[in-house]
Amino acid sequence: MVHAYILVQTEVGRISTVASAIAEIPGVVSAEEAIGPYDVIVRAQAPDMDELGRLVIAQVQAVEGITRTLTCSVVSV
């Protein structure tokens, strides 16, 4: 299982609706509203990196109101 944080920027006034929509996506562990350069911080998991990529591109980025995402994979060192 791979895990990642997805940092999301939204259109003005869309933070709550974007966070709620993302929280409903299978593979999303949490989607929390934030203050700062990113509006929503998402914790996601998938069986492998390919599935994680599909989750981000096909599902998360498809949510209405998102302007930009930055995906940060979690690693064990």
PDB file of N, CA and C in Angstrom:
ATOM      1  N   MET A   1       0.857  -1.180   0.000  1.00  0.00           N
ATOM      2  CA  MET A   1       0.000   0.000   0.000  1.00  0.00           C
ATOM      3  C   MET A   1       0.897   1.234   0.000  1.00  0.00           C
ATOM      4  N   VAL A   2       0.586   2.194  -0.854  1.00  0.00           N
ATOM      5  CA  VAL A   2       1.307   3.468  -0.876  1.00  0.00           C
ATOM      6  C   VAL A   2       0.385   4.564  -0.362  1.00  0.00           C
ATOM      7  N   HIS A   3       0.999   5.556   0.263  1.00  0.00           N
ATOM      8  CA  HIS A   3       0.250   6.663   0.842  1.00  0.00           C
ATOM      9  C   HIS A   3       0.798   7.972   0.295  1.00  0.00           C
ATOM     10  N   ALA A   4      -0.044   8.989   0.282  1.00  0.00           N
ATOM     11  CA  ALA A   4       0.393  10.310  -0.182  1.00  0.00           C
ATOM     12  C   ALA A   4      -0.458  11.390   0.456  1.00  0.00           C
ATOM     13  N   TYR A   5       0.137  12.568   0.517  1.00  0.00           N
ATOM     14  CA  TYR A   5      -0.608  13.780   0.853  1.00  0.00           C
ATOM     15  C   TYR A   5      -0.811  14.520  -0.456  1.00  0.00           C
ATOM     16  N   ILE A   6      -2.017  14.998  -0.677  1.00  0.00           N
ATOM     17  CA  ILE A   6      -2.327  15.784  -1.867  1.00  0.00           C
ATOM     18  C   ILE A   6      -2.716  17.172  -1.378  1.00  0.00           C
ATOM     19  N   LEU A   7      -1.918  18.158  -1.757  1.00  0.00           N
ATOM     20  CA  LEU A   7      -2.164  19.538  -1.359  1.00  0.00           C
ATOM     21  C   LEU A   7      -2.980  20.195  -2.470  1.00  0.00           C
ATOM     22  N   VAL A   8      -4.101  20.791  -2.109  1.00  0.00           N
ATOM     23  CA  VAL A   8      -5.069  21.265  -3.090  1.00  0.00           C
ATOM     24  C   VAL A   8      -5.306  22.758  -2.941  1.00  0.00           C
ATOM     25  N   GLN A   9      -5.247  23.469  -4.059  1.00  0.00           N
ATOM     26  CA  GLN A   9      -5.678  24.864  -4.110  1.00  0.00           C
ATOM     27  C   GLN A   9      -7.036  24.895  -4.804  1.00  0.00           C
ATOM     28  N   THR A  10      -7.924  25.762  -4.297  1.00  0.00           N
ATOM     29  CA  THR A  10      -9.279  25.832  -4.843  1.00  0.00           C
ATOM     30  C   THR A  10      -9.611  27.247  -5.304  1.00  0.00           C
ATOM     31  N   GLU A  11     -10.705  27.339  -6.030  1.00  0.00           N
ATOM     32  CA  GLU A  11     -11.254  28.649  -6.354  1.00  0.00           C
ATOM     33  C   GLU A  11     -11.738  29.297  -5.052  1.00  0.00           C
ATOM     34  N   VAL A  12     -11.758  30.605  -5.025  1.00  0.00           N
ATOM     35  CA  VAL A  12     -12.207  31.341  -3.837  1.00  0.00           C
ATOM     36  C   VAL A  12     -13.632  30.911  -3.475  1.00  0.00           C
ATOM     37  N   GLY A  13     -13.831  30.614  -2.195  1.00  0.00           N
ATOM     38  CA  GLY A  13     -15.150  30.256  -1.695  1.00  0.00           C
ATOM     39  C   GLY A  13     -15.549  28.813  -1.925  1.00  0.00           C
ATOM     40  N   ARG A  14     -14.652  27.977  -2.421  1.00  0.00           N
ATOM     41  CA  ARG A  14     -15.005  26.590  -2.746  1.00  0.00           C
ATOM     42  C   ARG A  14     -14.358  25.561  -1.825  1.00  0.00           C
ATOM     43  N   ILE A  15     -13.673  26.011  -0.778  1.00  0.00           N
ATOM     44  CA  ILE A  15     -12.917  25.091   0.072  1.00  0.00           C
ATOM     45  C   ILE A  15     -13.813  23.979   0.640  1.00  0.00           C
ATOM     46  N   SER A  16     -14.911  24.333   1.250  1.00  0.00           N
ATOM     47  CA  SER A  16     -15.770  23.337   1.907  1.00  0.00           C
ATOM     48  C   SER A  16     -16.363  22.344   0.923  1.00  0.00           C
ATOM     49  N   THR A  17     -16.842  22.823  -0.208  1.00  0.00           N
ATOM     50  CA  THR A  17     -17.460  21.912  -1.176  1.00  0.00           C
ATOM     51  C   THR A  17     -16.410  20.992  -1.806  1.00  0.00           C
ATOM     52  N   VAL A  18     -15.228  21.522  -2.065  1.00  0.00           N
ATOM     53  CA  VAL A  18     -14.152  20.691  -2.622  1.00  0.00           C
ATOM     54  C   VAL A  18     -13.727  19.629  -1.608  1.00  0.00           C
ATOM     55  N   ALA A  19     -13.508  20.016  -0.368  1.00  0.00           N
ATOM     56  CA  ALA A  19     -13.101  19.060   0.665  1.00  0.00           C
ATOM     57  C   ALA A  19     -14.148  17.964   0.847  1.00  0.00           C
ATOM     58  N   SER A  20     -15.413  18.329   0.855  1.00  0.00           N
ATOM     59  CA  SER A  20     -16.489  17.338   1.007  1.00  0.00           C
ATOM     60  C   SER A  20     -16.530  16.370  -0.168  1.00  0.00           C
ATOM     61  N   ALA A  21     -16.373  16.890  -1.380  1.00  0.00           N
ATOM     62  CA  ALA A  21     -16.400  16.040  -2.568  1.00  0.00           C
ATOM     63  C   ALA A  21     -15.209  15.079  -2.581  1.00  0.00           C
ATOM     64  N   ILE A  22     -14.034  15.578  -2.243  1.00  0.00           N
ATOM     65  CA  ILE A  22     -12.845  14.726  -2.231  1.00  0.00           C
ATOM     66  C   ILE A  22     -12.963  13.640  -1.162  1.00  0.00           C
ATOM     67  N   ALA A  23     -13.531  13.971  -0.018  1.00  0.00           N
ATOM     68  CA  ALA A  23     -13.658  13.010   1.081  1.00  0.00           C
ATOM     69  C   ALA A  23     -14.475  11.786   0.689  1.00  0.00           C
ATOM     70  N   GLU A  24     -15.339  11.913  -0.309  1.00  0.00           N
ATOM     71  CA  GLU A  24     -16.197  10.814  -0.753  1.00  0.00           C
ATOM     72  C   GLU A  24     -15.508   9.873  -1.737  1.00  0.00           C
ATOM     73  N   ILE A  25     -14.326  10.213  -2.217  1.00  0.00           N
ATOM     74  CA  ILE A  25     -13.626   9.408  -3.219  1.00  0.00           C
ATOM     75  C   ILE A  25     -12.998   8.187  -2.557  1.00  0.00           C
ATOM     76  N   PRO A  26     -13.247   6.988  -3.100  1.00  0.00           N
ATOM     77  CA  PRO A  26     -12.598   5.799  -2.550  1.00  0.00           C
ATOM     78  C   PRO A  26     -11.075   5.922  -2.637  1.00  0.00           C
ATOM     79  N   GLY A  27     -10.404   5.581  -1.548  1.00  0.00           N
ATOM     80  CA  GLY A  27      -8.955   5.712  -1.479  1.00  0.00           C
ATOM     81  C   GLY A  27      -8.522   6.946  -0.708  1.00  0.00           C
ATOM     82  N   VAL A  28      -9.441   7.875  -0.503  1.00  0.00           N
ATOM     83  CA  VAL A  28      -9.139   9.067   0.291  1.00  0.00           C
ATOM     84  C   VAL A  28      -9.391   8.733   1.760  1.00  0.00           C
ATOM     85  N   VAL A  29      -8.361   8.901   2.566  1.00  0.00           N
ATOM     86  CA  VAL A  29      -8.455   8.628   4.002  1.00  0.00           C
ATOM     87  C   VAL A  29      -9.034   9.833   4.724  1.00  0.00           C
ATOM     88  N   SER A  30      -8.596  11.032   4.338  1.00  0.00           N
ATOM     89  CA  SER A  30      -9.129  12.260   4.929  1.00  0.00           C
ATOM     90  C   SER A  30      -8.945  13.415   3.957  1.00  0.00           C
ATOM     91  N   ALA A  31      -9.796  14.409   4.088  1.00  0.00           N
ATOM     92  CA  ALA A  31      -9.703  15.643   3.310  1.00  0.00           C
ATOM     93  C   ALA A  31     -10.075  16.772   4.262  1.00  0.00           C
ATOM     94  N   GLU A  32      -9.070  17.549   4.647  1.00  0.00           N
ATOM     95  CA  GLU A  32      -9.287  18.579   5.659  1.00  0.00           C
ATOM     96  C   GLU A  32      -9.056  19.970   5.094  1.00  0.00           C
ATOM     97  N   GLU A  33      -9.910  20.900   5.495  1.00  0.00           N
ATOM     98  CA  GLU A  33      -9.767  22.290   5.101  1.00  0.00           C
ATOM     99  C   GLU A  33      -8.580  22.897   5.843  1.00  0.00           C
ATOM    100  N   ALA A  34      -7.856  23.780   5.178  1.00  0.00           N
ATOM    101  CA  ALA A  34      -6.665  24.375   5.776  1.00  0.00           C
ATOM    102  C   ALA A  34      -6.601  25.857   5.433  1.00  0.00           C
ATOM    103  N   ILE A  35      -5.766  26.573   6.167  1.00  0.00           N
ATOM    104  CA  ILE A  35      -5.495  27.985   5.899  1.00  0.00           C
ATOM    105  C   ILE A  35      -4.029  28.091   5.525  1.00  0.00           C
ATOM    106  N   GLY A  36      -3.723  28.821   4.474  1.00  0.00           N
ATOM    107  CA  GLY A  36      -2.351  28.965   4.015  1.00  0.00           C
ATOM    108  C   GLY A  36      -2.295  28.849   2.508  1.00  0.00           C
ATOM    109  N   PRO A  37      -1.147  28.453   1.973  1.00  0.00           N
ATOM    110  CA  PRO A  37      -1.021  28.385   0.514  1.00  0.00           C
ATOM    111  C   PRO A  37      -1.880  27.278  -0.102  1.00  0.00           C
ATOM    112  N   TYR A  38      -2.266  26.273   0.687  1.00  0.00           N
ATOM    113  CA  TYR A  38      -3.144  25.212   0.199  1.00  0.00           C
ATOM    114  C   TYR A  38      -4.439  25.246   0.995  1.00  0.00           C
ATOM    115  N   ASP A  39      -5.539  24.962   0.311  1.00  0.00           N
ATOM    116  CA  ASP A  39      -6.861  25.084   0.911  1.00  0.00           C
ATOM    117  C   ASP A  39      -7.390  23.777   1.499  1.00  0.00           C
ATOM    118  N   VAL A  40      -6.969  22.665   0.909  1.00  0.00           N
ATOM    119  CA  VAL A  40      -7.402  21.343   1.378  1.00  0.00           C
ATOM    120  C   VAL A  40      -6.167  20.441   1.401  1.00  0.00           C
ATOM    121  N   ILE A  41      -6.017  19.681   2.481  1.00  0.00           N
ATOM    122  CA  ILE A  41      -4.942  18.702   2.576  1.00  0.00           C
ATOM    123  C   ILE A  41      -5.595  17.324   2.641  1.00  0.00           C
ATOM    124  N   VAL A  42      -5.206  16.498   1.669  1.00  0.00           N
ATOM    125  CA  VAL A  42      -5.819  15.183   1.504  1.00  0.00           C
ATOM    126  C   VAL A  42      -4.800  14.108   1.864  1.00  0.00           C
ATOM    127  N   ARG A  43      -5.243  13.099   2.569  1.00  0.00           N
ATOM    128  CA  ARG A  43      -4.422  11.901   2.818  1.00  0.00           C
ATOM    129  C   ARG A  43      -5.074  10.797   2.000  1.00  0.00           C
ATOM    130  N   ALA A  44      -4.302  10.163   1.115  1.00  0.00           N
ATOM    131  CA  ALA A  44      -4.839   9.129   0.241  1.00  0.00           C
ATOM    132  C   ALA A  44      -3.973   7.882   0.297  1.00  0.00           C
ATOM    133  N   GLN A  45      -4.570   6.753  -0.109  1.00  0.00           N
ATOM    134  CA  GLN A  45      -3.829   5.512  -0.182  1.00  0.00           C
ATOM    135  C   GLN A  45      -4.307   4.721  -1.384  1.00  0.00           C
ATOM    136  N   ALA A  46      -3.406   3.897  -1.908  1.00  0.00           N
ATOM    137  CA  ALA A  46      -3.708   3.055  -3.057  1.00  0.00           C
ATOM    138  C   ALA A  46      -2.797   1.835  -3.008  1.00  0.00           C
ATOM    139  N   PRO A  47      -3.149   0.779  -3.728  1.00  0.00           N
ATOM    140  CA  PRO A  47      -2.333  -0.432  -3.700  1.00  0.00           C
ATOM    141  C   PRO A  47      -0.923  -0.232  -4.260  1.00  0.00           C
ATOM    142  N   ASP A  48      -0.769   0.657  -5.247  1.00  0.00           N
ATOM    143  CA  ASP A  48       0.546   0.896  -5.847  1.00  0.00           C
ATOM    144  C   ASP A  48       0.581   2.303  -6.445  1.00  0.00           C
ATOM    145  N   MET A  49       1.758   2.709  -6.944  1.00  0.00           N
ATOM    146  CA  MET A  49       1.920   4.073  -7.467  1.00  0.00           C
ATOM    147  C   MET A  49       1.047   4.337  -8.694  1.00  0.00           C
ATOM    148  N   ASP A  50       0.859   3.332  -9.535  1.00  0.00           N
ATOM    149  CA  ASP A  50       0.005   3.521 -10.713  1.00  0.00           C
ATOM    150  C   ASP A  50      -1.426   3.835 -10.303  1.00  0.00           C
ATOM    151  N   GLU A  51      -1.935   3.090  -9.336  1.00  0.00           N
ATOM    152  CA  GLU A  51      -3.292   3.337  -8.849  1.00  0.00           C
ATOM    153  C   GLU A  51      -3.393   4.697  -8.160  1.00  0.00           C
ATOM    154  N   LEU A  52      -2.343   5.077  -7.440  1.00  0.00           N
ATOM    155  CA  LEU A  52      -2.326   6.391  -6.808  1.00  0.00           C
ATOM    156  C   LEU A  52      -2.395   7.483  -7.872  1.00  0.00           C
ATOM    157  N   GLY A  53      -1.627   7.331  -8.927  1.00  0.00           N
ATOM    158  CA  GLY A  53      -1.671   8.292 -10.026  1.00  0.00           C
ATOM    159  C   GLY A  53      -3.052   8.394 -10.639  1.00  0.00           C
ATOM    160  N   ARG A  54      -3.694   7.251 -10.850  1.00  0.00           N
ATOM    161  CA  ARG A  54      -5.058   7.262 -11.409  1.00  0.00           C
ATOM    162  C   ARG A  54      -6.039   7.939 -10.452  1.00  0.00           C
ATOM    163  N   LEU A  55      -5.863   7.690  -9.160  1.00  0.00           N
ATOM    164  CA  LEU A  55      -6.723   8.326  -8.156  1.00  0.00           C
ATOM    165  C   LEU A  55      -6.607   9.842  -8.234  1.00  0.00           C
ATOM    166  N   VAL A  56      -5.377  10.339  -8.290  1.00  0.00           N
ATOM    167  CA  VAL A  56      -5.157  11.789  -8.319  1.00  0.00           C
ATOM    168  C   VAL A  56      -5.669  12.392  -9.621  1.00  0.00           C
ATOM    169  N   ILE A  57      -5.266  11.821 -10.748  1.00  0.00           N
ATOM    170  CA  ILE A  57      -5.582  12.419 -12.049  1.00  0.00           C
ATOM    171  C   ILE A  57      -7.052  12.248 -12.432  1.00  0.00           C
ATOM    172  N   ALA A  58      -7.577  11.043 -12.292  1.00  0.00           N
ATOM    173  CA  ALA A  58      -8.923  10.770 -12.777  1.00  0.00           C
ATOM    174  C   ALA A  58     -10.031  11.162 -11.803  1.00  0.00           C
ATOM    175  N   GLN A  59      -9.708  11.195 -10.505  1.00  0.00           N
ATOM    176  CA  GLN A  59     -10.780  11.446  -9.549  1.00  0.00           C
ATOM    177  C   GLN A  59     -10.611  12.752  -8.782  1.00  0.00           C
ATOM    178  N   VAL A  60      -9.470  12.928  -8.121  1.00  0.00           N
ATOM    179  CA  VAL A  60      -9.293  14.135  -7.310  1.00  0.00           C
ATOM    180  C   VAL A  60      -9.278  15.383  -8.203  1.00  0.00           C
ATOM    181  N   GLN A  61      -8.439  15.379  -9.234  1.00  0.00           N
ATOM    182  CA  GLN A  61      -8.332  16.563 -10.086  1.00  0.00           C
ATOM    183  C   GLN A  61      -9.606  16.844 -10.882  1.00  0.00           C
ATOM    184  N   ALA A  62     -10.508  15.885 -10.943  1.00  0.00           N
ATOM    185  CA  ALA A  62     -11.770  16.076 -11.655  1.00  0.00           C
ATOM    186  C   ALA A  62     -12.814  16.822 -10.820  1.00  0.00           C
ATOM    187  N   VAL A  63     -12.539  17.021  -9.542  1.00  0.00           N
ATOM    188  CA  VAL A  63     -13.497  17.714  -8.667  1.00  0.00           C
ATOM    189  C   VAL A  63     -13.608  19.177  -9.084  1.00  0.00           C
ATOM    190  N   GLU A  64     -14.821  19.618  -9.258  1.00  0.00           N
ATOM    191  CA  GLU A  64     -15.110  21.008  -9.637  1.00  0.00           C
ATOM    192  C   GLU A  64     -14.606  21.964  -8.563  1.00  0.00           C
ATOM    193  N   GLY A  65     -13.881  23.001  -8.970  1.00  0.00           N
ATOM    194  CA  GLY A  65     -13.420  24.029  -8.046  1.00  0.00           C
ATOM    195  C   GLY A  65     -11.947  23.932  -7.699  1.00  0.00           C
ATOM    196  N   ILE A  66     -11.275  22.868  -8.156  1.00  0.00           N
ATOM    197  CA  ILE A  66      -9.839  22.741  -7.897  1.00  0.00           C
ATOM    198  C   ILE A  66      -9.062  23.500  -8.969  1.00  0.00           C
ATOM    199  N   THR A  67      -8.073  24.268  -8.534  1.00  0.00           N
ATOM    200  CA  THR A  67      -7.233  24.987  -9.494  1.00  0.00           C
ATOM    201  C   THR A  67      -5.849  24.364  -9.628  1.00  0.00           C
ATOM    202  N   ARG A  68      -5.356  23.670  -8.581  1.00  0.00           N
ATOM    203  CA  ARG A  68      -4.011  23.085  -8.639  1.00  0.00           C
ATOM    204  C   ARG A  68      -3.866  22.048  -7.532  1.00  0.00           C
ATOM    205  N   THR A  69      -3.073  21.013  -7.822  1.00  0.00           N
ATOM    206  CA  THR A  69      -2.744  20.017  -6.797  1.00  0.00           C
ATOM    207  C   THR A  69      -1.244  19.768  -6.784  1.00  0.00           C
ATOM    208  N   LEU A  70      -0.760  19.320  -5.647  1.00  0.00           N
ATOM    209  CA  LEU A  70       0.630  18.902  -5.488  1.00  0.00           C
ATOM    210  C   LEU A  70       0.599  17.613  -4.678  1.00  0.00           C
ATOM    211  N   THR A  71       1.100  16.536  -5.271  1.00  0.00           N
ATOM    212  CA  THR A  71       1.065  15.234  -4.610  1.00  0.00           C
ATOM    213  C   THR A  71       2.421  14.935  -3.986  1.00  0.00           C
ATOM    214  N   CYS A  72       2.410  14.570  -2.701  1.00  0.00           N
ATOM    215  CA  CYS A  72       3.623  14.258  -1.957  1.00  0.00           C
ATOM    216  C   CYS A  72       3.520  12.820  -1.463  1.00  0.00           C
ATOM    217  N   SER A  73       4.291  11.918  -2.079  1.00  0.00           N
ATOM    218  CA  SER A  73       4.272  10.518  -1.678  1.00  0.00           C
ATOM    219  C   SER A  73       4.967  10.341  -0.340  1.00  0.00           C
ATOM    220  N   VAL A  74       4.428   9.455   0.466  1.00  0.00           N
ATOM    221  CA  VAL A  74       5.019   9.133   1.762  1.00  0.00           C
ATOM    222  C   VAL A  74       5.997   7.979   1.547  1.00  0.00           C
ATOM    223  N   VAL A  75       7.196   8.092   2.110  1.00  0.00           N
ATOM    224  CA  VAL A  75       8.202   7.039   1.990  1.00  0.00           C
ATOM    225  C   VAL A  75       8.676   6.609   3.373  1.00  0.00           C
ATOM    226  N   SER A  76       9.162   5.398   3.451  1.00  0.00           N
ATOM    227  CA  SER A  76       9.781   4.904   4.686  1.00  0.00           C
ATOM    228  C   SER A  76      11.278   4.799   4.428  1.00  0.00           C
ATOM    229  N   VAL A  77      12.085   5.476   5.248  1.00  0.00           N
ATOM    230  CA  VAL A  77      13.533   5.431   5.076  1.00  0.00           C
ATOM    231  C   VAL A  77      14.203   4.871   6.318  1.00  0.00           C
TER     232      VAL A  77
END
